[in-house]
PDB file of N, CA and C in Angstrom:
ATOM      1  N   MET A   1      64.810  -0.918  44.495  1.00  0.00           N
ATOM      2  CA  MET A   1      63.463  -1.355  44.746  1.00  0.00           C
ATOM      3  C   MET A   1      63.445  -2.880  44.729  1.00  0.00           C
ATOM      4  N   LYS A   2      62.728  -3.458  45.675  1.00  0.00           N
ATOM      5  CA  LYS A   2      62.594  -4.902  45.754  1.00  0.00           C
ATOM      6  C   LYS A   2      61.276  -5.312  45.119  1.00  0.00           C
ATOM      7  N   LEU A   3      61.346  -6.280  44.202  1.00  0.00           N
ATOM      8  CA  LEU A   3      60.121  -6.738  43.557  1.00  0.00           C
ATOM      9  C   LEU A   3      59.214  -7.490  44.520  1.00  0.00           C
ATOM     10  N   SER A   4      59.751  -7.950  45.632  1.00  0.00           N
ATOM     11  CA  SER A   4      58.918  -8.638  46.619  1.00  0.00           C
ATOM     12  C   SER A   4      57.969  -7.666  47.326  1.00  0.00           C
ATOM     13  N   GLU A   5      58.235  -6.366  47.219  1.00  0.00           N
ATOM     14  CA  GLU A   5      57.399  -5.353  47.868  1.00  0.00           C
ATOM     15  C   GLU A   5      56.346  -4.762  46.937  1.00  0.00           C
ATOM     16  N   GLY A   6      56.564  -4.814  45.653  1.00  0.00           N
ATOM     17  CA  GLY A   6      55.640  -4.213  44.705  1.00  0.00           C
ATOM     18  C   GLY A   6      55.788  -2.697  44.655  1.00  0.00           C
ATOM     19  N   PHE A   7      55.000  -2.051  43.788  1.00  0.00           N
ATOM     20  CA  PHE A   7      55.062  -0.593  43.666  1.00  0.00           C
ATOM     21  C   PHE A   7      53.832  -0.065  42.937  1.00  0.00           C
ATOM     22  N   GLU A   8      53.656   1.251  43.030  1.00  0.00           N
ATOM     23  CA  GLU A   8      52.638   1.971  42.264  1.00  0.00           C
ATOM     24  C   GLU A   8      53.205   3.341  41.940  1.00  0.00           C
ATOM     25  N   TYR A   9      53.228   3.686  40.636  1.00  0.00           N
ATOM     26  CA  TYR A   9      53.757   4.976  40.190  1.00  0.00           C
ATOM     27  C   TYR A   9      52.798   5.636  39.212  1.00  0.00           C
ATOM     28  N   LYS A  10      52.648   6.934  39.344  1.00  0.00           N
ATOM     29  CA  LYS A  10      51.916   7.729  38.361  1.00  0.00           C
ATOM     30  C   LYS A  10      52.935   8.204  37.326  1.00  0.00           C
ATOM     31  N   GLY A  11      52.473   8.426  36.106  1.00  0.00           N
ATOM     32  CA  GLY A  11      53.400   8.883  35.084  1.00  0.00           C
ATOM     33  C   GLY A  11      52.699   9.227  33.785  1.00  0.00           C
ATOM     34  N   TYR A  12      53.531   9.570  32.803  1.00  0.00           N
ATOM     35  CA  TYR A  12      53.063   9.790  31.434  1.00  0.00           C
ATOM     36  C   TYR A  12      53.608   8.670  30.577  1.00  0.00           C
ATOM     37  N   TRP A  13      52.792   8.225  29.596  1.00  0.00           N
ATOM     38  CA  TRP A  13      53.096   7.043  28.795  1.00  0.00           C
ATOM     39  C   TRP A  13      52.895   7.350  27.329  1.00  0.00           C
ATOM     40  N   TRP A  14      53.692   6.720  26.455  1.00  0.00           N
ATOM     41  CA  TRP A  14      53.565   6.935  25.020  1.00  0.00           C
ATOM     42  C   TRP A  14      54.116   5.756  24.241  1.00  0.00           C
ATOM     43  N   ARG A  15      53.659   5.683  22.979  1.00  0.00           N
ATOM     44  CA  ARG A  15      54.177   4.692  22.030  1.00  0.00           C
ATOM     45  C   ARG A  15      55.473   5.222  21.449  1.00  0.00           C
ATOM     46  N   PRO A  16      56.407   4.336  21.095  1.00  0.00           N
ATOM     47  CA  PRO A  16      57.652   4.788  20.461  1.00  0.00           C
ATOM     48  C   PRO A  16      57.404   5.567  19.165  1.00  0.00           C
ATOM     49  N   SER A  17      56.338   5.236  18.454  1.00  0.00           N
ATOM     50  CA  SER A  17      56.053   5.904  17.180  1.00  0.00           C
ATOM     51  C   SER A  17      55.407   7.276  17.357  1.00  0.00           C
ATOM     52  N   ALA A  18      54.994   7.625  18.577  1.00  0.00           N
ATOM     53  CA  ALA A  18      54.323   8.915  18.802  1.00  0.00           C
ATOM     54  C   ALA A  18      54.745   9.508  20.153  1.00  0.00           C
ATOM     55  N   PRO A  19      56.017   9.894  20.295  1.00  0.00           N
ATOM     56  CA  PRO A  19      56.507  10.392  21.583  1.00  0.00           C
ATOM     57  C   PRO A  19      55.873  11.710  22.032  1.00  0.00           C
ATOM     58  N   ASP A  20      55.239  12.425  21.119  1.00  0.00           N
ATOM     59  CA  ASP A  20      54.617  13.700  21.478  1.00  0.00           C
ATOM     60  C   ASP A  20      53.166  13.525  21.941  1.00  0.00           C
ATOM     61  N   LYS A  21      52.633  12.308  21.898  1.00  0.00           N
ATOM     62  CA  LYS A  21      51.248  12.048  22.310  1.00  0.00           C
ATOM     63  C   LYS A  21      51.251  11.225  23.596  1.00  0.00           C
ATOM     64  N   LYS A  22      51.451  11.910  24.711  1.00  0.00           N
ATOM     65  CA  LYS A  22      51.552  11.263  26.016  1.00  0.00           C
ATOM     66  C   LYS A  22      50.176  11.162  26.677  1.00  0.00           C
ATOM     67  N   VAL A  23      49.995  10.080  27.452  1.00  0.00           N
ATOM     68  CA  VAL A  23      48.753   9.836  28.166  1.00  0.00           C
ATOM     69  C   VAL A  23      49.097   9.572  29.628  1.00  0.00           C
ATOM     70  N   ALA A  24      48.362  10.181  30.548  1.00  0.00           N
ATOM     71  CA  ALA A  24      48.580   9.960  31.979  1.00  0.00           C
ATOM     72  C   ALA A  24      48.078   8.580  32.378  1.00  0.00           C
ATOM     73  N   GLY A  25      48.757   8.001  33.377  1.00  0.00           N
ATOM     74  CA  GLY A  25      48.312   6.697  33.847  1.00  0.00           C
ATOM     75  C   GLY A  25      49.060   6.262  35.087  1.00  0.00           C
ATOM     76  N   VAL A  26      48.701   5.072  35.587  1.00  0.00           N
ATOM     77  CA  VAL A  26      49.278   4.514  36.805  1.00  0.00           C
ATOM     78  C   VAL A  26      49.838   3.130  36.501  1.00  0.00           C
ATOM     79  N   LEU A  27      51.101   2.920  36.879  1.00  0.00           N
ATOM     80  CA  LEU A  27      51.778   1.635  36.742  1.00  0.00           C
ATOM     81  C   LEU A  27      51.769   0.959  38.105  1.00  0.00           C
ATOM     82  N   THR A  28      51.287  -0.288  38.152  1.00  0.00           N
ATOM     83  CA  THR A  28      51.159  -1.003  39.419  1.00  0.00           C
ATOM     84  C   THR A  28      51.755  -2.394  39.302  1.00  0.00           C
ATOM     85  N   TYR A  29      52.463  -2.802  40.351  1.00  0.00           N
ATOM     86  CA  TYR A  29      52.931  -4.177  40.460  1.00  0.00           C
ATOM     87  C   TYR A  29      52.742  -4.623  41.900  1.00  0.00           C
ATOM     88  N   LYS A  30      52.035  -5.725  42.079  1.00  0.00           N
ATOM     89  CA  LYS A  30      51.887  -6.331  43.397  1.00  0.00           C
ATOM     90  C   LYS A  30      52.735  -7.585  43.397  1.00  0.00           C
ATOM     91  N   ALA A  31      53.486  -7.802  44.460  1.00  0.00           N
ATOM     92  CA  ALA A  31      54.414  -8.928  44.537  1.00  0.00           C
ATOM     93  C   ALA A  31      53.761 -10.224  44.076  1.00  0.00           C
ATOM     94  N   GLY A  32      54.419 -10.879  43.124  1.00  0.00           N
ATOM     95  CA  GLY A  32      53.936 -12.148  42.606  1.00  0.00           C
ATOM     96  C   GLY A  32      52.766 -12.043  41.650  1.00  0.00           C
ATOM     97  N   ASP A  33      52.398 -10.835  41.260  1.00  0.00           N
ATOM     98  CA  ASP A  33      51.252 -10.633  40.388  1.00  0.00           C
ATOM     99  C   ASP A  33      51.704  -9.993  39.078  1.00  0.00           C
ATOM    100  N   LYS A  34      50.753  -9.476  38.312  1.00  0.00           N
ATOM    101  CA  LYS A  34      51.036  -8.876  37.011  1.00  0.00           C
ATOM    102  C   LYS A  34      51.544  -7.441  37.138  1.00  0.00           C
ATOM    103  N   ILE A  35      52.222  -7.007  36.089  1.00  0.00           N
ATOM    104  CA  ILE A  35      52.585  -5.602  35.914  1.00  0.00           C
ATOM    105  C   ILE A  35      51.421  -4.977  35.147  1.00  0.00           C
ATOM    106  N   LEU A  36      50.760  -4.004  35.738  1.00  0.00           N
ATOM    107  CA  LEU A  36      49.579  -3.406  35.125  1.00  0.00           C
ATOM    108  C   LEU A  36      49.766  -1.914  34.885  1.00  0.00           C
ATOM    109  N   LEU A  37      49.363  -1.465  33.708  1.00  0.00           N
ATOM    110  CA  LEU A  37      49.342  -0.046  33.375  1.00  0.00           C
ATOM    111  C   LEU A  37      47.897   0.324  33.094  1.00  0.00           C
ATOM    112  N   GLU A  38      47.404   1.338  33.793  1.00  0.00           N
ATOM    113  CA  GLU A  38      46.048   1.831  33.567  1.00  0.00           C
ATOM    114  C   GLU A  38      46.156   3.263  33.063  1.00  0.00           C
ATOM    115  N   LEU A  39      45.737   3.472  31.825  1.00  0.00           N
ATOM    116  CA  LEU A  39      45.784   4.801  31.218  1.00  0.00           C
ATOM    117  C   LEU A  39      44.473   5.537  31.435  1.00  0.00           C
ATOM    118  N   ILE A  40      44.584   6.826  31.693  1.00  0.00           N
ATOM    119  CA  ILE A  40      43.414   7.693  31.797  1.00  0.00           C
ATOM    120  C   ILE A  40      43.339   8.431  30.465  1.00  0.00           C
ATOM    121  N   GLY A  41      42.711   7.782  29.512  1.00  0.00           N
ATOM    122  CA  GLY A  41      42.708   8.240  28.133  1.00  0.00           C
ATOM    123  C   GLY A  41      43.203   7.101  27.260  1.00  0.00           C
ATOM    124  N   ALA A  42      43.498   7.403  26.005  1.00  0.00           N
ATOM    125  CA  ALA A  42      43.920   6.373  25.064  1.00  0.00           C
ATOM    126  C   ALA A  42      45.017   6.905  24.159  1.00  0.00           C
ATOM    127  N   PHE A  43      45.879   6.013  23.676  1.00  0.00           N
ATOM    128  CA  PHE A  43      46.965   6.422  22.787  1.00  0.00           C
ATOM    129  C   PHE A  43      46.459   7.000  21.476  1.00  0.00           C
ATOM    130  N   GLY A  44      45.350   6.514  20.973  1.00  0.00           N
ATOM    131  CA  GLY A  44      44.842   6.987  19.698  1.00  0.00           C
ATOM    132  C   GLY A  44      44.303   8.406  19.723  1.00  0.00           C
ATOM    133  N   GLY A  45      44.243   9.022  20.898  1.00  0.00           N
ATOM    134  CA  GLY A  45      43.750  10.381  21.008  1.00  0.00           C
ATOM    135  C   GLY A  45      42.237  10.476  21.088  1.00  0.00           C
ATOM    136  N   SER A  46      41.551   9.327  21.128  1.00  0.00           N
ATOM    137  CA  SER A  46      40.089   9.335  21.212  1.00  0.00           C
ATOM    138  C   SER A  46      39.650   9.865  22.567  1.00  0.00           C
ATOM    139  N   VAL A  47      38.719  10.773  22.554  1.00  0.00           N
ATOM    140  CA  VAL A  47      38.176  11.270  23.812  1.00  0.00           C
ATOM    141  C   VAL A  47      36.920  10.497  24.192  1.00  0.00           C
ATOM    142  N   ASP A  48      36.365   9.777  23.258  1.00  0.00           N
ATOM    143  CA  ASP A  48      35.140   9.038  23.528  1.00  0.00           C
ATOM    144  C   ASP A  48      35.498   7.583  23.848  1.00  0.00           C
ATOM    145  N   ALA A  49      34.916   7.061  24.932  1.00  0.00           N
ATOM    146  CA  ALA A  49      35.262   5.745  25.462  1.00  0.00           C
ATOM    147  C   ALA A  49      34.974   4.617  24.473  1.00  0.00           C
ATOM    148  N   ILE A  50      33.894   4.718  23.716  1.00  0.00           N
ATOM    149  CA  ILE A  50      33.545   3.650  22.772  1.00  0.00           C
ATOM    150  C   ILE A  50      34.562   3.564  21.651  1.00  0.00           C
ATOM    151  N   THR A  51      34.934   4.706  21.071  1.00  0.00           N
ATOM    152  CA  THR A  51      35.932   4.708  19.994  1.00  0.00           C
ATOM    153  C   THR A  51      37.275   4.211  20.507  1.00  0.00           C
ATOM    154  N   ALA A  52      37.675   4.663  21.690  1.00  0.00           N
ATOM    155  CA  ALA A  52      38.943   4.220  22.279  1.00  0.00           C
ATOM    156  C   ALA A  52      38.934   2.716  22.507  1.00  0.00           C
ATOM    157  N   PHE A  53      37.832   2.178  23.012  1.00  0.00           N
ATOM    158  CA  PHE A  53      37.730   0.748  23.258  1.00  0.00           C
ATOM    159  C   PHE A  53      37.811  -0.034  21.951  1.00  0.00           C
ATOM    160  N   MET A  54      37.137   0.429  20.919  1.00  0.00           N
ATOM    161  CA  MET A  54      37.134  -0.262  19.624  1.00  0.00           C
ATOM    162  C   MET A  54      38.507  -0.219  18.953  1.00  0.00           C
ATOM    163  N   ASN A  55      39.287   0.831  19.211  1.00  0.00           N
ATOM    164  CA  ASN A  55      40.600   0.985  18.570  1.00  0.00           C
ATOM    165  C   ASN A  55      41.764   0.497  19.428  1.00  0.00           C
ATOM    166  N   LYS A  56      41.483  -0.070  20.592  1.00  0.00           N
ATOM    167  CA  LYS A  56      42.574  -0.510  21.470  1.00  0.00           C
ATOM    168  C   LYS A  56      43.340  -1.659  20.813  1.00  0.00           C
ATOM    169  N   ARG A  57      44.629  -1.763  21.157  1.00  0.00           N
ATOM    170  CA  ARG A  57      45.448  -2.838  20.600  1.00  0.00           C
ATOM    171  C   ARG A  57      46.612  -3.138  21.539  1.00  0.00           C
ATOM    172  N   ASP A  58      47.168  -4.325  21.403  1.00  0.00           N
ATOM    173  CA  ASP A  58      48.349  -4.689  22.163  1.00  0.00           C
ATOM    174  C   ASP A  58      49.529  -3.858  21.669  1.00  0.00           C
ATOM    175  N   GLU A  59      50.505  -3.639  22.536  1.00  0.00           N
ATOM    176  CA  GLU A  59      51.693  -2.856  22.190  1.00  0.00           C
ATOM    177  C   GLU A  59      52.947  -3.660  22.533  1.00  0.00           C
ATOM    178  N   ASP A  60      53.899  -3.709  21.610  1.00  0.00           N
ATOM    179  CA  ASP A  60      55.177  -4.378  21.893  1.00  0.00           C
ATOM    180  C   ASP A  60      55.967  -3.605  22.943  1.00  0.00           C
ATOM    181  N   ILE A  61      55.965  -2.281  22.819  1.00  0.00           N
ATOM    182  CA  ILE A  61      56.734  -1.399  23.719  1.00  0.00           C
ATOM    183  C   ILE A  61      55.878  -0.194  24.097  1.00  0.00           C
ATOM    184  N   ILE A  62      55.933   0.178  25.365  1.00  0.00           N
ATOM    185  CA  ILE A  62      55.359   1.441  25.836  1.00  0.00           C
ATOM    186  C   ILE A  62      56.422   2.116  26.689  1.00  0.00           C
ATOM    187  N   TYR A  63      56.694   3.392  26.401  1.00  0.00           N
ATOM    188  CA  TYR A  63      57.657   4.166  27.190  1.00  0.00           C
ATOM    189  C   TYR A  63      56.920   5.039  28.192  1.00  0.00           C
ATOM    190  N   GLY A  64      57.597   5.365  29.289  1.00  0.00           N
ATOM    191  CA  GLY A  64      56.992   6.232  30.277  1.00  0.00           C
ATOM    192  C   GLY A  64      58.012   6.998  31.083  1.00  0.00           C
ATOM    193  N   THR A  65      57.532   8.053  31.742  1.00  0.00           N
ATOM    194  CA  THR A  65      58.311   8.811  32.720  1.00  0.00           C
ATOM    195  C   THR A  65      57.487   8.836  33.996  1.00  0.00           C
ATOM    196  N   LEU A  66      58.106   8.406  35.091  1.00  0.00           N
ATOM    197  CA  LEU A  66      57.407   8.295  36.364  1.00  0.00           C
ATOM    198  C   LEU A  66      57.443   9.585  37.151  1.00  0.00           C
ATOM    199  N   GLU A  67      56.637   9.644  38.192  1.00  0.00           N
ATOM    200  CA  GLU A  67      56.566  10.809  39.063  1.00  0.00           C
ATOM    201  C   GLU A  67      57.898  11.104  39.739  1.00  0.00           C
ATOM    202  N   ASN A  68      58.776  10.104  39.877  1.00  0.00           N
ATOM    203  CA  ASN A  68      60.099  10.313  40.474  1.00  0.00           C
ATOM    204  C   ASN A  68      61.157  10.618  39.414  1.00  0.00           C
ATOM    205  N   ALA A  69      60.722  10.949  38.203  1.00  0.00           N
ATOM    206  CA  ALA A  69      61.558  11.346  37.067  1.00  0.00           C
ATOM    207  C   ALA A  69      62.360  10.197  36.466  1.00  0.00           C
ATOM    208  N   LYS A  70      62.056   8.956  36.820  1.00  0.00           N
ATOM    209  CA  LYS A  70      62.734   7.807  36.212  1.00  0.00           C
ATOM    210  C   LYS A  70      62.014   7.415  34.932  1.00  0.00           C
ATOM    211  N   ASN A  71      62.804   6.925  33.975  1.00  0.00           N
ATOM    212  CA  ASN A  71      62.248   6.444  32.718  1.00  0.00           C
ATOM    213  C   ASN A  71      61.886   4.969  32.850  1.00  0.00           C
ATOM    214  N   VAL A  72      60.857   4.560  32.109  1.00  0.00           N
ATOM    215  CA  VAL A  72      60.380   3.179  32.157  1.00  0.00           C
ATOM    216  C   VAL A  72      60.151   2.680  30.744  1.00  0.00           C
ATOM    217  N   THR A  73      60.460   1.408  30.528  1.00  0.00           N
ATOM    218  CA  THR A  73      60.101   0.728  29.290  1.00  0.00           C
ATOM    219  C   THR A  73      59.274  -0.490  29.665  1.00  0.00           C
ATOM    220  N   LEU A  74      58.073  -0.566  29.125  1.00  0.00           N
ATOM    221  CA  LEU A  74      57.208  -1.722  29.320  1.00  0.00           C
ATOM    222  C   LEU A  74      57.238  -2.544  28.039  1.00  0.00           C
ATOM    223  N   VAL A  75      57.390  -3.857  28.181  1.00  0.00           N
ATOM    224  CA  VAL A  75      57.572  -4.737  27.027  1.00  0.00           C
ATOM    225  C   VAL A  75      56.464  -5.788  26.998  1.00  0.00           C
ATOM    226  N   ARG A  76      55.948  -6.035  25.786  1.00  0.00           N
ATOM    227  CA  ARG A  76      54.876  -7.007  25.544  1.00  0.00           C
ATOM    228  C   ARG A  76      53.657  -6.691  26.396  1.00  0.00           C
ATOM    229  N   CYS A  77      52.963  -5.656  25.998  1.00  0.00           N
ATOM    230  CA  CYS A  77      51.811  -5.147  26.751  1.00  0.00           C
ATOM    231  C   CYS A  77      50.515  -5.566  26.071  1.00  0.00           C
ATOM    232  N   PHE A  78      49.683  -6.297  26.808  1.00  0.00           N
ATOM    233  CA  PHE A  78      48.436  -6.825  26.283  1.00  0.00           C
ATOM    234  C   PHE A  78      47.272  -5.980  26.791  1.00  0.00           C
ATOM    235  N   CYS A  79      46.492  -5.483  25.853  1.00  0.00           N
ATOM    236  CA  CYS A  79      45.434  -4.525  26.149  1.00  0.00           C
ATOM    237  C   CYS A  79      44.140  -5.212  26.565  1.00  0.00           C
ATOM    238  N   SER A  80      43.470  -4.585  27.510  1.00  0.00           N
ATOM    239  CA  SER A  80      42.136  -5.022  27.899  1.00  0.00           C
ATOM    240  C   SER A  80      41.362  -3.787  28.320  1.00  0.00           C
ATOM    241  N   GLY A  81      40.124  -3.957  28.564  1.00  0.00           N
ATOM    242  CA  GLY A  81      39.339  -2.814  29.004  1.00  0.00           C
ATOM    243  C   GLY A  81      37.870  -3.141  28.998  1.00  0.00           C
ATOM    244  N   SER A  82      37.122  -2.215  29.465  1.00  0.00           N
ATOM    245  CA  SER A  82      35.669  -2.354  29.456  1.00  0.00           C
ATOM    246  C   SER A  82      35.101  -0.970  29.173  1.00  0.00           C
ATOM    247  N   ILE A  83      33.875  -0.935  28.796  1.00  0.00           N
ATOM    248  CA  ILE A  83      33.242   0.349  28.479  1.00  0.00           C
ATOM    249  C   ILE A  83      32.330   0.752  29.628  1.00  0.00           C
ATOM    250  N   ASN A  84      32.528   1.967  30.106  1.00  0.00           N
ATOM    251  CA  ASN A  84      31.638   2.558  31.100  1.00  0.00           C
ATOM    252  C   ASN A  84      31.006   3.773  30.433  1.00  0.00           C
ATOM    253  N   LEU A  85      29.788   3.644  30.005  1.00  0.00           N
ATOM    254  CA  LEU A  85      29.126   4.721  29.264  1.00  0.00           C
ATOM    255  C   LEU A  85      28.872   5.955  30.122  1.00  0.00           C
ATOM    256  N   SER A  86      28.957   5.826  31.439  1.00  0.00           N
ATOM    257  CA  SER A  86      28.765   6.971  32.330  1.00  0.00           C
ATOM    258  C   SER A  86      30.032   7.805  32.470  1.00  0.00           C
ATOM    259  N   CYS A  87      31.161   7.242  32.082  1.00  0.00           N
ATOM    260  CA  CYS A  87      32.449   7.936  32.228  1.00  0.00           C
ATOM    261  C   CYS A  87      32.747   8.751  30.966  1.00  0.00           C
ATOM    262  N   PRO A  88      33.118  10.020  31.100  1.00  0.00           N
ATOM    263  CA  PRO A  88      33.341  10.861  29.922  1.00  0.00           C
ATOM    264  C   PRO A  88      34.696  10.642  29.239  1.00  0.00           C
ATOM    265  N   PHE A  89      35.557   9.781  29.799  1.00  0.00           N
ATOM    266  CA  PHE A  89      36.854   9.519  29.191  1.00  0.00           C
ATOM    267  C   PHE A  89      37.154   8.026  29.263  1.00  0.00           C
ATOM    268  N   PRO A  90      37.988   7.514  28.340  1.00  0.00           N
ATOM    269  CA  PRO A  90      38.293   6.082  28.347  1.00  0.00           C
ATOM    270  C   PRO A  90      39.345   5.718  29.400  1.00  0.00           C
ATOM    271  N   ILE A  91      39.229   4.520  29.939  1.00  0.00           N
ATOM    272  CA  ILE A  91      40.249   3.917  30.792  1.00  0.00           C
ATOM    273  C   ILE A  91      40.718   2.673  30.045  1.00  0.00           C
ATOM    274  N   ILE A  92      41.985   2.647  29.670  1.00  0.00           N
ATOM    275  CA  ILE A  92      42.544   1.522  28.927  1.00  0.00           C
ATOM    276  C   ILE A  92      43.599   0.853  29.804  1.00  0.00           C
ATOM    277  N   ARG A  93      43.549  -0.474  29.897  1.00  0.00           N
ATOM    278  CA  ARG A  93      44.474  -1.221  30.756  1.00  0.00           C
ATOM    279  C   ARG A  93      45.385  -2.117  29.926  1.00  0.00           C
ATOM    280  N   TYR A  94      46.628  -2.227  30.381  1.00  0.00           N
ATOM    281  CA  TYR A  94      47.597  -3.124  29.767  1.00  0.00           C
ATOM    282  C   TYR A  94      48.203  -4.015  30.842  1.00  0.00           C
ATOM    283  N   SER A  95      48.342  -5.284  30.527  1.00  0.00           N
ATOM    284  CA  SER A  95      49.084  -6.226  31.355  1.00  0.00           C
ATOM    285  C   SER A  95      50.404  -6.444  30.626  1.00  0.00           C
ATOM    286  N   CYS A  96      51.522  -6.158  31.298  1.00  0.00           N
ATOM    287  CA  CYS A  96      52.828  -6.173  30.643  1.00  0.00           C
ATOM    288  C   CYS A  96      53.690  -7.319  31.162  1.00  0.00           C
ATOM    289  N   VAL A  97      54.479  -7.902  30.279  1.00  0.00           N
ATOM    290  CA  VAL A  97      55.327  -9.028  30.647  1.00  0.00           C
ATOM    291  C   VAL A  97      56.587  -8.546  31.361  1.00  0.00           C
ATOM    292  N   TYR A  98      57.189  -7.446  30.869  1.00  0.00           N
ATOM    293  CA  TYR A  98      58.432  -6.936  31.449  1.00  0.00           C
ATOM    294  C   TYR A  98      58.318  -5.444  31.740  1.00  0.00           C
ATOM    295  N   CYS A  99      58.996  -5.017  32.795  1.00  0.00           N
ATOM    296  CA  CYS A  99      59.089  -3.605  33.152  1.00  0.00           C
ATOM    297  C   CYS A  99      60.550  -3.303  33.462  1.00  0.00           C
ATOM    298  N   VAL A 100      61.132  -2.384  32.699  1.00  0.00           N
ATOM    299  CA  VAL A 100      62.513  -1.975  32.925  1.00  0.00           C
ATOM    300  C   VAL A 100      62.490  -0.526  33.404  1.00  0.00           C
ATOM    301  N   ILE A 101      62.943  -0.306  34.626  1.00  0.00           N
ATOM    302  CA  ILE A 101      63.015   1.052  35.160  1.00  0.00           C
ATOM    303  C   ILE A 101      64.438   1.531  34.988  1.00  0.00           C
ATOM    304  N   GLY A 102      64.599   2.625  34.270  1.00  0.00           N
ATOM    305  CA  GLY A 102      65.911   3.132  33.877  1.00  0.00           C
ATOM    306  C   GLY A 102      65.968   3.170  32.359  1.00  0.00           C
ATOM    307  N   ASN A 103      67.093   3.545  31.824  1.00  0.00           N
ATOM    308  CA  ASN A 103      67.232   3.669  30.378  1.00  0.00           C
ATOM    309  C   ASN A 103      67.731   2.376  29.754  1.00  0.00           C
ATOM    310  N   ILE A 104      67.126   2.001  28.633  1.00  0.00           N
ATOM    311  CA  ILE A 104      67.659   0.917  27.817  1.00  0.00           C
ATOM    312  C   ILE A 104      67.785   1.447  26.410  1.00  0.00           C
ATOM    313  N   THR A 105      68.689   0.887  25.650  1.00  0.00           N
ATOM    314  CA  THR A 105      68.936   1.433  24.325  1.00  0.00           C
ATOM    315  C   THR A 105      68.192   0.710  23.218  1.00  0.00           C
ATOM    316  N   LYS A 106      67.929  -0.580  23.380  1.00  0.00           N
ATOM    317  CA  LYS A 106      67.248  -1.321  22.319  1.00  0.00           C
ATOM    318  C   LYS A 106      66.588  -2.552  22.907  1.00  0.00           C
ATOM    319  N   VAL A 107      65.434  -2.888  22.370  1.00  0.00           N
ATOM    320  CA  VAL A 107      64.734  -4.105  22.785  1.00  0.00           C
ATOM    321  C   VAL A 107      64.585  -4.972  21.541  1.00  0.00           C
ATOM    322  N   TRP A 108      64.990  -6.217  21.637  1.00  0.00           N
ATOM    323  CA  TRP A 108      64.831  -7.160  20.524  1.00  0.00           C
ATOM    324  C   TRP A 108      63.660  -8.055  20.813  1.00  0.00           C
ATOM    325  N   MET A 109      62.785  -8.213  19.837  1.00  0.00           N
ATOM    326  CA  MET A 109      61.586  -9.046  20.036  1.00  0.00           C
ATOM    327  C   MET A 109      61.761 -10.342  19.279  1.00  0.00           C
TER     328      MET A 109
END
């Protein structure tokens, strides 16, 4: 894959501390822009958008599995979001500094 072309992948995402609590989302990169992860739901398991928004936090590492069965590691992920009271589920967004597609064994911070 060429980074000059960008990409968009659907997948499941989780924190290293909770591999059994996966959340669906979309990973997007536009050439020369940010690496963005948009989760449909929240890592904390909150189903209510207000609670999810209040409990959101930055993540050092987020793991994922893409629709093409490749593994992904996102590093230094900064959380943002907004509240839509009309939506019955939270949408949580992360802007990530690094995206590694494939397996890595350890990340040093």
